Amino acid sequence: MNTRNHEHYTDRTAYDAIKAADKPPNAARETVENMRREANKRGFEVFGRIKLRDMKTGKIYR
């Protein structure tokens, strides 16, 4: 993601706001980490992207 606005000036505030809005909730991040940890315990490696869908909202986290 670029930290510059459409006029090519550095716009750190907008960058931080967009980055925070795009961040998945803790539950999604913890779930992915638990999946990776469990795979490693069993001798597997997760090398691709894991997608999760919130069953209540339908939102997909990548």
PDB file of N, CA and C in Angstrom:
ATOM      1  N   MET A   1       0.841  -1.170   0.000  1.00  0.00           N
ATOM      2  CA  MET A   1       0.000   0.000   0.000  1.00  0.00           C
ATOM      3  C   MET A   1       0.889   1.236   0.000  1.00  0.00           C
ATOM      4  N   ASN A   2       0.476   2.210  -0.735  1.00  0.00           N
ATOM      5  CA  ASN A   2       1.245   3.429  -0.894  1.00  0.00           C
ATOM      6  C   ASN A   2       0.870   4.431   0.199  1.00  0.00           C
ATOM      7  N   THR A   3       1.859   5.118   0.757  1.00  0.00           N
ATOM      8  CA  THR A   3       1.595   6.109   1.802  1.00  0.00           C
ATOM      9  C   THR A   3       1.353   7.493   1.219  1.00  0.00           C
ATOM     10  N   ARG A   4       1.321   7.602  -0.082  1.00  0.00           N
ATOM     11  CA  ARG A   4       1.137   8.908  -0.726  1.00  0.00           C
ATOM     12  C   ARG A   4      -0.288   9.054  -1.242  1.00  0.00           C
ATOM     13  N   ASN A   5      -0.772  10.294  -1.240  1.00  0.00           N
ATOM     14  CA  ASN A   5      -2.116  10.553  -1.742  1.00  0.00           C
ATOM     15  C   ASN A   5      -2.086  10.782  -3.254  1.00  0.00           C
ATOM     16  N   HIS A   6      -3.227  11.150  -3.827  1.00  0.00           N
ATOM     17  CA  HIS A   6      -3.308  11.307  -5.279  1.00  0.00           C
ATOM     18  C   HIS A   6      -2.447  12.460  -5.810  1.00  0.00           C
ATOM     19  N   GLU A   7      -2.042  13.372  -4.936  1.00  0.00           N
ATOM     20  CA  GLU A   7      -1.154  14.469  -5.334  1.00  0.00           C
ATOM     21  C   GLU A   7       0.311  14.134  -5.053  1.00  0.00           C
ATOM     22  N   HIS A   8       0.562  12.910  -4.631  1.00  0.00           N
ATOM     23  CA  HIS A   8       1.899  12.371  -4.370  1.00  0.00           C
ATOM     24  C   HIS A   8       2.578  12.952  -3.129  1.00  0.00           C
ATOM     25  N   TYR A   9       1.776  13.513  -2.228  1.00  0.00           N
ATOM     26  CA  TYR A   9       2.302  13.928  -0.937  1.00  0.00           C
ATOM     27  C   TYR A   9       2.127  12.774   0.049  1.00  0.00           C
ATOM     28  N   THR A  10       3.049  12.672   0.999  1.00  0.00           N
ATOM     29  CA  THR A  10       2.931  11.633   2.004  1.00  0.00           C
ATOM     30  C   THR A  10       1.714  11.909   2.875  1.00  0.00           C
ATOM     31  N   ASP A  11       0.843  10.919   3.006  1.00  0.00           N
ATOM     32  CA  ASP A  11      -0.377  11.051   3.797  1.00  0.00           C
ATOM     33  C   ASP A  11      -0.469   9.866   4.745  1.00  0.00           C
ATOM     34  N   ARG A  12       0.276   9.943   5.820  1.00  0.00           N
ATOM     35  CA  ARG A  12       0.380   8.833   6.766  1.00  0.00           C
ATOM     36  C   ARG A  12      -0.938   8.578   7.501  1.00  0.00           C
ATOM     37  N   THR A  13      -1.726   9.616   7.764  1.00  0.00           N
ATOM     38  CA  THR A  13      -2.990   9.450   8.486  1.00  0.00           C
ATOM     39  C   THR A  13      -3.954   8.581   7.692  1.00  0.00           C
ATOM     40  N   ALA A  14      -4.109   8.870   6.422  1.00  0.00           N
ATOM     41  CA  ALA A  14      -5.001   8.072   5.576  1.00  0.00           C
ATOM     42  C   ALA A  14      -4.472   6.644   5.448  1.00  0.00           C
ATOM     43  N   TYR A  15      -3.179   6.502   5.302  1.00  0.00           N
ATOM     44  CA  TYR A  15      -2.564   5.175   5.194  1.00  0.00           C
ATOM     45  C   TYR A  15      -2.856   4.341   6.435  1.00  0.00           C
ATOM     46  N   ASP A  16      -2.664   4.934   7.628  1.00  0.00           N
ATOM     47  CA  ASP A  16      -2.906   4.225   8.883  1.00  0.00           C
ATOM     48  C   ASP A  16      -4.382   3.854   9.038  1.00  0.00           C
ATOM     49  N   ALA A  17      -5.286   4.747   8.632  1.00  0.00           N
ATOM     50  CA  ALA A  17      -6.719   4.479   8.757  1.00  0.00           C
ATOM     51  C   ALA A  17      -7.142   3.328   7.847  1.00  0.00           C
ATOM     52  N   ILE A  18      -6.666   3.335   6.618  1.00  0.00           N
ATOM     53  CA  ILE A  18      -7.023   2.265   5.684  1.00  0.00           C
ATOM     54  C   ILE A  18      -6.421   0.945   6.135  1.00  0.00           C
ATOM     55  N   LYS A  19      -5.198   0.987   6.606  1.00  0.00           N
ATOM     56  CA  LYS A  19      -4.537  -0.236   7.071  1.00  0.00           C
ATOM     57  C   LYS A  19      -5.282  -0.833   8.266  1.00  0.00           C
ATOM     58  N   ALA A  20      -5.734  -0.003   9.192  1.00  0.00           N
ATOM     59  CA  ALA A  20      -6.465  -0.481  10.364  1.00  0.00           C
ATOM     60  C   ALA A  20      -7.828  -1.041   9.967  1.00  0.00           C
ATOM     61  N   ALA A  21      -8.474  -0.425   8.998  1.00  0.00           N
ATOM     62  CA  ALA A  21      -9.794  -0.884   8.563  1.00  0.00           C
ATOM     63  C   ALA A  21      -9.701  -2.220   7.841  1.00  0.00           C
ATOM     64  N   ASP A  22      -8.608  -2.466   7.149  1.00  0.00           N
ATOM     65  CA  ASP A  22      -8.433  -3.706   6.405  1.00  0.00           C
ATOM     66  C   ASP A  22      -7.965  -4.864   7.273  1.00  0.00           C
ATOM     67  N   LYS A  23      -7.576  -4.599   8.488  1.00  0.00           N
ATOM     68  CA  LYS A  23      -7.027  -5.639   9.364  1.00  0.00           C
ATOM     69  C   LYS A  23      -8.150  -6.552   9.848  1.00  0.00           C
ATOM     70  N   PRO A  24      -7.961  -7.862   9.720  1.00  0.00           N
ATOM     71  CA  PRO A  24      -8.995  -8.772  10.209  1.00  0.00           C
ATOM     72  C   PRO A  24      -9.070  -8.745  11.734  1.00  0.00           C
ATOM     73  N   PRO A  25     -10.215  -9.121  12.303  1.00  0.00           N
ATOM     74  CA  PRO A  25     -10.346  -9.123  13.763  1.00  0.00           C
ATOM     75  C   PRO A  25      -9.420 -10.162  14.397  1.00  0.00           C
ATOM     76  N   ASN A  26      -9.195  -9.997  15.687  1.00  0.00           N
ATOM     77  CA  ASN A  26      -8.302 -10.906  16.410  1.00  0.00           C
ATOM     78  C   ASN A  26      -8.706 -12.358  16.261  1.00  0.00           C
ATOM     79  N   ALA A  27     -10.005 -12.643  16.274  1.00  0.00           N
ATOM     80  CA  ALA A  27     -10.465 -14.034  16.194  1.00  0.00           C
ATOM     81  C   ALA A  27     -10.014 -14.678  14.888  1.00  0.00           C
ATOM     82  N   ALA A  28     -10.060 -13.941  13.791  1.00  0.00           N
ATOM     83  CA  ALA A  28      -9.639 -14.493  12.491  1.00  0.00           C
ATOM     84  C   ALA A  28      -8.138 -14.729  12.479  1.00  0.00           C
ATOM     85  N   ARG A  29      -7.378 -13.773  12.989  1.00  0.00           N
ATOM     86  CA  ARG A  29      -5.920 -13.932  13.020  1.00  0.00           C
ATOM     87  C   ARG A  29      -5.511 -15.089  13.914  1.00  0.00           C
ATOM     88  N   GLU A  30      -6.156 -15.206  15.079  1.00  0.00           N
ATOM     89  CA  GLU A  30      -5.842 -16.303  15.991  1.00  0.00           C
ATOM     90  C   GLU A  30      -6.197 -17.654  15.383  1.00  0.00           C
ATOM     91  N   THR A  31      -7.295 -17.715  14.654  1.00  0.00           N
ATOM     92  CA  THR A  31      -7.707 -18.964  14.012  1.00  0.00           C
ATOM     93  C   THR A  31      -6.679 -19.408  12.989  1.00  0.00           C
ATOM     94  N   VAL A  32      -6.193 -18.476  12.176  1.00  0.00           N
ATOM     95  CA  VAL A  32      -5.189 -18.813  11.167  1.00  0.00           C
ATOM     96  C   VAL A  32      -3.898 -19.265  11.848  1.00  0.00           C
ATOM     97  N   GLU A  33      -3.484 -18.574  12.893  1.00  0.00           N
ATOM     98  CA  GLU A  33      -2.263 -18.975  13.601  1.00  0.00           C
ATOM     99  C   GLU A  33      -2.415 -20.359  14.218  1.00  0.00           C
ATOM    100  N   ASN A  34      -3.584 -20.643  14.788  1.00  0.00           N
ATOM    101  CA  ASN A  34      -3.818 -21.973  15.359  1.00  0.00           C
ATOM    102  C   ASN A  34      -3.782 -23.050  14.278  1.00  0.00           C
ATOM    103  N   MET A  35      -4.330 -22.758  13.108  1.00  0.00           N
ATOM    104  CA  MET A  35      -4.305 -23.715  12.003  1.00  0.00           C
ATOM    105  C   MET A  35      -2.864 -23.987  11.562  1.00  0.00           C
ATOM    106  N   ARG A  36      -2.072 -22.938  11.457  1.00  0.00           N
ATOM    107  CA  ARG A  36      -0.664 -23.102  11.066  1.00  0.00           C
ATOM    108  C   ARG A  36       0.105 -23.907  12.114  1.00  0.00           C
ATOM    109  N   ARG A  37      -0.127 -23.587  13.379  1.00  0.00           N
ATOM    110  CA  ARG A  37       0.560 -24.284  14.463  1.00  0.00           C
ATOM    111  C   ARG A  37       0.204 -25.767  14.477  1.00  0.00           C
ATOM    112  N   GLU A  38      -1.075 -26.077  14.308  1.00  0.00           N
ATOM    113  CA  GLU A  38      -1.519 -27.470  14.309  1.00  0.00           C
ATOM    114  C   GLU A  38      -0.945 -28.225  13.116  1.00  0.00           C
ATOM    115  N   ALA A  39      -0.899 -27.582  11.958  1.00  0.00           N
ATOM    116  CA  ALA A  39      -0.312 -28.227  10.775  1.00  0.00           C
ATOM    117  C   ALA A  39       1.163 -28.539  11.028  1.00  0.00           C
ATOM    118  N   ASN A  40       1.883 -27.607  11.624  1.00  0.00           N
ATOM    119  CA  ASN A  40       3.306 -27.825  11.914  1.00  0.00           C
ATOM    120  C   ASN A  40       3.506 -28.981  12.889  1.00  0.00           C
ATOM    121  N   LYS A  41       2.648 -29.087  13.891  1.00  0.00           N
ATOM    122  CA  LYS A  41       2.748 -30.187  14.848  1.00  0.00           C
ATOM    123  C   LYS A  41       2.606 -31.536  14.159  1.00  0.00           C
ATOM    124  N   ARG A  42       1.782 -31.578  13.132  1.00  0.00           N
ATOM    125  CA  ARG A  42       1.482 -32.831  12.438  1.00  0.00           C
ATOM    126  C   ARG A  42       2.369 -33.063  11.217  1.00  0.00           C
ATOM    127  N   GLY A  43       3.393 -32.199  11.060  1.00  0.00           N
ATOM    128  CA  GLY A  43       4.359 -32.400   9.987  1.00  0.00           C
ATOM    129  C   GLY A  43       3.971 -31.793   8.654  1.00  0.00           C
ATOM    130  N   PHE A  44       3.066 -30.820   8.676  1.00  0.00           N
ATOM    131  CA  PHE A  44       2.654 -30.149   7.449  1.00  0.00           C
ATOM    132  C   PHE A  44       3.036 -28.677   7.509  1.00  0.00           C
ATOM    133  N   GLU A  45       3.094 -28.071   6.329  1.00  0.00           N
ATOM    134  CA  GLU A  45       3.389 -26.643   6.238  1.00  0.00           C
ATOM    135  C   GLU A  45       2.286 -25.970   5.440  1.00  0.00           C
ATOM    136  N   VAL A  46       1.739 -24.892   5.969  1.00  0.00           N
ATOM    137  CA  VAL A  46       0.748 -24.110   5.242  1.00  0.00           C
ATOM    138  C   VAL A  46       1.521 -23.125   4.384  1.00  0.00           C
ATOM    139  N   PHE A  47       1.378 -23.237   3.072  1.00  0.00           N
ATOM    140  CA  PHE A  47       2.158 -22.366   2.188  1.00  0.00           C
ATOM    141  C   PHE A  47       1.282 -21.489   1.317  1.00  0.00           C
ATOM    142  N   GLY A  48       0.006 -21.706   1.356  1.00  0.00           N
ATOM    143  CA  GLY A  48      -0.911 -20.896   0.558  1.00  0.00           C
ATOM    144  C   GLY A  48      -1.706 -19.961   1.443  1.00  0.00           C
ATOM    145  N   ARG A  49      -2.600 -19.269   0.818  1.00  0.00           N
ATOM    146  CA  ARG A  49      -3.444 -18.319   1.526  1.00  0.00           C
ATOM    147  C   ARG A  49      -4.621 -19.056   2.160  1.00  0.00           C
ATOM    148  N   ILE A  50      -4.940 -18.713   3.387  1.00  0.00           N
ATOM    149  CA  ILE A  50      -6.092 -19.282   4.076  1.00  0.00           C
ATOM    150  C   ILE A  50      -7.191 -18.224   4.072  1.00  0.00           C
ATOM    151  N   LYS A  51      -8.365 -18.589   3.589  1.00  0.00           N
ATOM    152  CA  LYS A  51      -9.500 -17.669   3.572  1.00  0.00           C
ATOM    153  C   LYS A  51     -10.522 -18.141   4.600  1.00  0.00           C
ATOM    154  N   LEU A  52     -11.039 -17.203   5.375  1.00  0.00           N
ATOM    155  CA  LEU A  52     -12.060 -17.502   6.370  1.00  0.00           C
ATOM    156  C   LEU A  52     -13.296 -16.661   6.077  1.00  0.00           C
ATOM    157  N   ARG A  53     -14.479 -17.253   6.276  1.00  0.00           N
ATOM    158  CA  ARG A  53     -15.731 -16.509   6.116  1.00  0.00           C
ATOM    159  C   ARG A  53     -16.424 -16.452   7.460  1.00  0.00           C
ATOM    160  N   ASP A  54     -16.782 -15.254   7.894  1.00  0.00           N
ATOM    161  CA  ASP A  54     -17.536 -15.067   9.128  1.00  0.00           C
ATOM    162  C   ASP A  54     -18.950 -15.581   8.878  1.00  0.00           C
ATOM    163  N   MET A  55     -19.370 -16.563   9.641  1.00  0.00           N
ATOM    164  CA  MET A  55     -20.668 -17.188   9.400  1.00  0.00           C
ATOM    165  C   MET A  55     -21.838 -16.265   9.746  1.00  0.00           C
ATOM    166  N   LYS A  56     -21.612 -15.272  10.607  1.00  0.00           N
ATOM    167  CA  LYS A  56     -22.690 -14.333  10.959  1.00  0.00           C
ATOM    168  C   LYS A  56     -22.842 -13.233   9.925  1.00  0.00           C
ATOM    169  N   THR A  57     -21.726 -12.640   9.516  1.00  0.00           N
ATOM    170  CA  THR A  57     -21.777 -11.483   8.623  1.00  0.00           C
ATOM    171  C   THR A  57     -21.562 -11.857   7.159  1.00  0.00           C
ATOM    172  N   GLY A  58     -20.915 -12.997   6.910  1.00  0.00           N
ATOM    173  CA  GLY A  58     -20.620 -13.394   5.546  1.00  0.00           C
ATOM    174  C   GLY A  58     -19.351 -12.762   5.001  1.00  0.00           C
ATOM    175  N   LYS A  59     -18.681 -11.935   5.798  1.00  0.00           N
ATOM    176  CA  LYS A  59     -17.461 -11.273   5.343  1.00  0.00           C
ATOM    177  C   LYS A  59     -16.326 -12.283   5.222  1.00  0.00           C
ATOM    178  N   ILE A  60     -15.539 -12.150   4.154  1.00  0.00           N
ATOM    179  CA  ILE A  60     -14.430 -13.063   3.904  1.00  0.00           C
ATOM    180  C   ILE A  60     -13.128 -12.374   4.282  1.00  0.00           C
ATOM    181  N   TYR A  61     -12.310 -13.077   5.050  1.00  0.00           N
ATOM    182  CA  TYR A  61     -10.997 -12.575   5.454  1.00  0.00           C
ATOM    183  C   TYR A  61      -9.948 -13.398   4.728  1.00  0.00           C
ATOM    184  N   ARG A  62      -8.996 -12.712   4.098  1.00  0.00           N
ATOM    185  CA  ARG A  62      -7.943 -13.393   3.337  1.00  0.00           C
ATOM    186  C   ARG A  62      -6.603 -13.152   3.946  1.00  0.00           C
TER     187      ARG A  62
END
